[in-house]
């Protein structure tokens, strides 16, 4: 009766904590490189003003929100306080994404757009402190607010998950 218990303990030690060589002569389990997924930054909660949630936002924005990265260009996500579940932010100064905004007032016939990774963006630089990027070719408008000193790199990163989460729609500029 003692032999099966000893064999079981030896097997457990080798599997759980011991080192054994595999058939190619390597010792123990493979080491995994990389970092543990980070958590939201220990930054103050960011109040974010959002428009009322529309049925279109309710239908489209959950796919966008679930596709967003936890870290954006090395900036960790942070908690937001808003009247909509479709707001997200990273870092300090914050980069803020809001899904389900209204068509940008400046997006009119004849205004050019920038395409990044298959997503068309209208860019508003009227505020000297903030650059506002808004998708114009998806079923809902998605806005990304960047501090003026930040280049378009966060928008480039976010274009891919937005483009994958939302289907293309022909842009409809205002009058």
Protein backbone atom coordinates (compact mmCIF):
# COMPACT_ATOMS: atom_id res chain seq x y z
CA UNK A 1 0.00 0.00 0.00
CA UNK A 2 2.91 2.33 0.63
CA UNK A 3 4.44 1.87 -2.86
CA UNK A 4 1.54 3.49 -4.83
CA UNK A 5 1.58 6.52 -2.49
CA UNK A 6 5.35 6.97 -2.90
CA UNK A 7 5.06 6.65 -6.69
CA UNK A 8 2.25 9.23 -6.73
CA UNK A 9 4.32 11.68 -4.65
CA UNK A 10 7.36 11.27 -6.92
CA UNK A 11 5.21 11.88 -10.01
CA UNK A 12 3.63 14.97 -8.44
CA UNK A 13 7.02 16.38 -7.41
CA UNK A 14 8.36 15.89 -10.93
CA UNK A 15 5.31 17.38 -12.58
CA UNK A 16 4.59 20.26 -10.23
CA UNK A 17 7.92 21.29 -8.85
CA UNK A 18 10.68 19.03 -9.90
CA UNK A 19 12.89 19.29 -12.94
CA UNK A 20 12.94 16.60 -15.51
CA UNK A 21 14.51 16.38 -18.91
CA UNK A 22 12.37 16.02 -22.00
CA UNK A 23 13.23 13.76 -24.90
CA UNK A 24 15.52 16.44 -26.42
CA UNK A 25 17.56 17.01 -23.27
CA UNK A 26 15.95 20.30 -22.17
CA UNK A 27 15.28 20.73 -18.50
CA UNK A 28 11.84 21.49 -17.07
CA UNK A 29 8.96 23.40 -18.60
CA UNK A 30 9.55 26.05 -21.20
CA UNK A 31 9.96 29.57 -19.90
CA UNK A 32 7.41 32.03 -21.20
CA UNK A 33 8.57 35.52 -22.02
CA UNK A 34 6.39 38.60 -21.89
CA UNK A 35 4.62 40.59 -19.28
CA UNK A 36 1.56 39.97 -17.23
CA UNK A 37 -1.42 41.89 -18.64
CA UNK A 38 -1.61 45.23 -16.93
CA UNK A 39 -4.59 46.62 -15.11
CA UNK A 40 -6.14 50.05 -15.29
CA UNK A 41 -3.81 52.82 -14.20
CA UNK A 42 -3.95 54.17 -10.70
CA UNK A 43 -5.10 57.56 -12.01
CA UNK A 44 -8.07 59.61 -10.84
CA UNK A 45 -11.40 58.77 -12.42
CA UNK A 46 -11.83 60.93 -15.51
CA UNK A 47 -15.19 62.65 -16.02
CA UNK A 48 -16.19 62.39 -19.70
CA UNK A 49 -19.10 64.23 -21.25
CA UNK A 50 -20.98 62.06 -23.71
CA UNK A 51 -24.05 62.45 -25.89
CA UNK A 52 -27.21 60.50 -25.05
CA UNK A 53 -26.98 56.84 -26.02
CA UNK A 54 -28.89 56.13 -29.23
CA UNK A 55 -30.28 52.80 -30.47
CA UNK A 56 -27.51 52.83 -33.12
CA UNK A 57 -24.87 53.20 -30.40
CA UNK A 58 -26.46 50.41 -28.37
CA UNK A 59 -26.32 48.16 -31.44
CA UNK A 60 -22.76 48.99 -32.57
CA UNK A 61 -20.65 50.29 -29.69
CA UNK A 62 -20.39 47.15 -27.52
CA UNK A 63 -18.31 45.52 -30.28
CA UNK A 64 -15.96 48.51 -30.32
CA UNK A 65 -15.61 48.67 -26.56
CA UNK A 66 -14.80 44.98 -26.25
CA UNK A 67 -12.06 45.30 -28.90
CA UNK A 68 -10.18 48.20 -27.29
CA UNK A 69 -6.66 47.60 -25.99
CA UNK A 70 -5.96 47.78 -22.26
CA UNK A 71 -2.77 49.71 -23.03
CA UNK A 72 -2.51 52.29 -25.82
CA UNK A 73 1.01 53.10 -26.94
CA UNK A 74 2.36 52.30 -23.50
CA UNK A 75 -0.32 54.35 -21.73
CA UNK A 76 -2.52 52.29 -19.40
CA UNK A 77 -6.29 52.57 -19.48
CA UNK A 78 -8.03 54.54 -16.78
CA UNK A 79 -11.51 54.61 -15.36
CA UNK A 80 -14.00 57.12 -16.69
CA UNK A 81 -17.20 58.54 -15.27
CA UNK A 82 -19.86 59.15 -17.90
CA UNK A 83 -23.54 58.75 -18.62
CA UNK A 84 -22.68 56.17 -21.28
CA UNK A 85 -20.86 52.85 -21.15
CA UNK A 86 -19.26 53.79 -24.46
CA UNK A 87 -16.43 56.02 -23.18
CA UNK A 88 -12.86 54.90 -22.55
CA UNK A 89 -9.58 56.62 -21.73
CA UNK A 90 -5.87 55.96 -21.49
CA UNK A 91 -2.99 57.76 -19.77
CA UNK A 92 -2.30 61.25 -18.52
CA UNK A 93 -2.88 63.59 -20.24
CA UNK A 94 -5.75 61.40 -21.37
CA UNK A 95 -6.57 60.03 -24.79
CA UNK A 96 -10.37 59.64 -24.75
CA UNK A 97 -12.54 57.50 -27.02
CA UNK A 98 -16.32 57.95 -27.20
CA UNK A 99 -18.45 55.69 -29.36
CA UNK A 100 -21.81 56.94 -30.62
CA UNK A 101 -21.15 60.67 -31.00
CA UNK A 102 -22.95 62.91 -33.49
CA UNK A 103 -21.59 63.61 -36.96
CA UNK A 104 -18.88 66.26 -36.58
CA UNK A 105 -20.25 69.72 -37.46
CA UNK A 106 -17.23 70.45 -39.65
CA UNK A 107 -17.66 67.31 -41.75
CA UNK A 108 -19.38 68.84 -44.74
CA UNK A 109 -19.40 68.21 -48.50
CA UNK A 110 -15.96 68.94 -49.92
CA UNK A 111 -14.05 68.46 -46.66
CA UNK A 112 -11.26 65.94 -46.93
CA UNK A 113 -10.77 62.94 -44.68
CA UNK A 114 -7.75 60.91 -43.67
CA UNK A 115 -7.76 57.14 -44.10
CA UNK A 116 -5.78 55.07 -41.60
CA UNK A 117 -5.79 51.27 -41.71
CA UNK A 118 -8.98 51.24 -43.75
CA UNK A 119 -10.93 53.68 -41.52
CA UNK A 120 -11.75 57.21 -42.67
CA UNK A 121 -11.34 60.00 -40.12
CA UNK A 122 -12.41 63.63 -40.02
CA UNK A 123 -9.88 65.68 -38.02
CA UNK A 124 -10.87 68.81 -36.08
CA UNK A 125 -7.98 71.00 -34.94
CA UNK A 126 -10.05 74.06 -34.01
CA UNK A 127 -9.22 73.68 -30.28
CA UNK A 128 -5.54 74.53 -29.67
CA UNK A 129 -5.40 72.05 -26.76
CA UNK A 130 -7.13 69.03 -28.33
CA UNK A 131 -7.18 67.28 -31.68
CA UNK A 132 -10.48 65.49 -32.27
CA UNK A 133 -10.54 62.55 -34.69
CA UNK A 134 -13.95 61.15 -35.67
CA UNK A 135 -14.67 58.11 -37.83
CA UNK A 136 -16.94 58.99 -40.73
CA UNK A 137 -17.38 55.66 -42.51
CA UNK A 138 -18.96 53.41 -39.87
CA UNK A 139 -22.58 52.87 -38.74
CA UNK A 140 -21.87 55.08 -35.69
CA UNK A 141 -19.36 57.87 -35.26
CA UNK A 142 -16.43 57.10 -32.97
CA UNK A 143 -14.49 60.03 -31.59
CA UNK A 144 -10.91 60.02 -30.27
CA UNK A 145 -9.71 63.12 -28.42
CA UNK A 146 -5.96 63.60 -28.22
CA UNK A 147 -3.95 66.24 -26.40
CA UNK A 148 -2.65 68.62 -29.09
CA UNK A 149 0.95 67.59 -28.42
CA UNK A 150 0.19 63.90 -29.19
CA UNK A 151 0.59 62.78 -32.80
CA UNK A 152 -1.77 60.45 -34.65
CA UNK A 153 -0.17 57.22 -33.37
CA UNK A 154 -3.04 56.38 -30.94
CA UNK A 155 -5.55 56.83 -33.78
CA UNK A 156 -3.46 54.55 -35.98
CA UNK A 157 -3.55 51.84 -33.29
CA UNK A 158 -7.29 52.29 -32.65
CA UNK A 159 -8.21 52.21 -36.35
CA UNK A 160 -7.67 48.47 -36.56
CA UNK A 161 -10.03 47.37 -33.75
CA UNK A 162 -12.62 49.95 -34.82
CA UNK A 163 -12.43 48.77 -38.45
CA UNK A 164 -12.76 45.15 -37.36
CA UNK A 165 -15.66 45.83 -34.96
CA UNK A 166 -17.76 48.05 -37.23
CA UNK A 167 -18.63 47.47 -40.89
CA UNK A 168 -17.92 50.07 -43.55
CA UNK A 169 -20.63 52.58 -44.37
CA UNK A 170 -20.45 55.22 -47.09
CA UNK A 171 -19.62 58.57 -45.45
CA UNK A 172 -22.49 61.07 -45.35
CA UNK A 173 -21.17 64.62 -44.92
CA UNK A 174 -23.48 67.39 -43.82
CA UNK A 175 -24.54 70.26 -46.07
